[in-house]
Amino acid sequence: MQCLKLEVNNKPAILERVLQVVRYRGFELISLQVSPQGMDMLTVFITVDGVQPISKLTNQLNKLYDLAGIIHLNLAQSENAPHENAMRTA
């Protein structure tokens, strides 16, 4: 299982596009959590599972116009000291 933290612009259909990319790349959605960050941004946590490398998914997500940033959260680390790999920043 892999967890990603996405920072996206709060635009119509952005969540639908994110979920389409997850499905098209062959990943199973395990969990989805969305929270607003002001009026213009959303923070989206998605947990996915699949046999494909996570880079296949993150490379496609990075192509989304309304994506401001993506961080790969390592689930193997303890909750007290989460390890974050920054994949893209705005």
Protein backbone atom coordinates (compact mmCIF):
# COMPACT_ATOMS: atom_id res chain seq x y z
CA MET A 1 0.00 0.00 0.00
CA GLN A 2 1.11 3.51 -0.80
CA CYS A 3 -0.16 6.84 0.52
CA LEU A 4 -0.02 10.12 -1.38
CA LYS A 5 -0.76 13.64 -0.20
CA LEU A 6 -2.01 15.88 -2.99
CA GLU A 7 -2.44 19.65 -2.90
CA VAL A 8 -4.94 20.59 -5.60
CA ASN A 9 -6.76 23.68 -6.75
CA ASN A 10 -10.40 23.55 -5.70
CA LYS A 11 -11.83 23.32 -9.22
CA PRO A 12 -14.85 21.44 -10.55
CA ALA A 13 -14.13 17.76 -11.31
CA ILE A 14 -10.57 17.71 -9.88
CA LEU A 15 -11.40 14.77 -7.60
CA GLU A 16 -12.95 12.90 -10.50
CA ARG A 17 -9.80 13.41 -12.59
CA VAL A 18 -7.57 12.21 -9.74
CA LEU A 19 -9.68 9.07 -9.30
CA GLN A 20 -9.70 8.41 -13.05
CA VAL A 21 -5.90 8.49 -13.11
CA VAL A 22 -5.80 6.06 -10.17
CA ARG A 23 -8.15 3.67 -11.96
CA TYR A 24 -6.55 4.01 -15.41
CA ARG A 25 -3.11 3.23 -13.98
CA GLY A 26 -4.36 -0.01 -12.42
CA PHE A 27 -4.37 0.95 -8.76
CA GLU A 28 -7.06 0.03 -6.25
CA LEU A 29 -8.28 2.90 -4.08
CA ILE A 30 -8.08 1.91 -0.40
CA SER A 31 -8.95 5.24 1.21
CA LEU A 32 -9.66 8.85 0.30
CA GLN A 33 -9.66 11.85 2.62
CA VAL A 34 -10.30 15.41 1.45
CA SER A 35 -10.05 18.59 3.47
CA PRO A 36 -10.26 22.24 2.40
CA GLN A 37 -7.26 24.53 2.71
CA GLY A 38 -8.78 27.96 2.42
CA MET A 39 -11.12 28.86 -0.41
CA ASP A 40 -8.91 27.85 -3.32
CA MET A 41 -7.10 24.65 -2.30
CA LEU A 42 -7.86 21.09 -1.18
CA THR A 43 -5.61 18.59 0.54
CA VAL A 44 -6.30 15.05 -0.66
CA PHE A 45 -4.87 11.96 1.02
CA ILE A 46 -5.21 8.80 -1.05
CA THR A 47 -4.09 5.30 -0.15
CA VAL A 48 -3.74 2.93 -3.07
CA ASP A 49 -2.63 -0.63 -3.66
CA GLY A 50 -1.37 -2.18 -6.86
CA VAL A 51 1.37 -4.16 -8.52
CA GLN A 52 2.57 -1.25 -10.65
CA PRO A 53 5.35 1.02 -9.36
CA ILE A 54 3.98 4.09 -7.58
CA SER A 55 6.03 6.27 -9.93
CA LYS A 56 3.68 5.26 -12.75
CA LEU A 57 0.83 6.85 -10.82
CA THR A 58 2.69 9.93 -9.59
CA ASN A 59 4.02 10.69 -13.09
CA GLN A 60 0.47 10.77 -14.44
CA LEU A 61 -0.90 12.77 -11.49
CA ASN A 62 1.82 15.37 -12.06
CA LYS A 63 0.32 16.02 -15.50
CA LEU A 64 -2.96 17.25 -13.99
CA TYR A 65 -3.26 21.00 -14.52
CA ASP A 66 -4.87 21.68 -11.13
CA LEU A 67 -2.30 19.72 -9.10
CA ALA A 68 -0.14 22.07 -7.04
CA GLY A 69 1.98 19.43 -5.29
CA ILE A 70 2.31 15.77 -4.43
CA ILE A 71 4.10 14.04 -1.56
CA HIS A 72 4.61 10.30 -1.27
CA LEU A 73 4.10 9.31 2.38
CA ASN A 74 5.99 6.19 3.42
CA LEU A 75 3.56 3.93 5.32
CA ALA A 76 6.42 1.77 6.62
CA GLN A 77 7.60 4.49 9.01
CA SER A 78 6.12 4.91 12.46
CA GLU A 79 3.34 7.46 12.91
CA ASN A 80 5.54 9.48 15.25
CA ALA A 81 8.15 10.08 12.57
CA PRO A 82 6.54 9.99 9.14
CA HIS A 83 8.88 9.95 6.17
CA GLU A 84 7.87 12.16 3.27
CA ASN A 85 9.32 12.09 -0.23
CA ALA A 86 8.49 15.28 -2.08
CA MET A 87 7.59 14.42 -5.66
CA ARG A 88 6.63 17.89 -6.90
CA THR A 89 6.14 21.32 -5.43
CA ALA A 90 4.50 24.36 -6.92
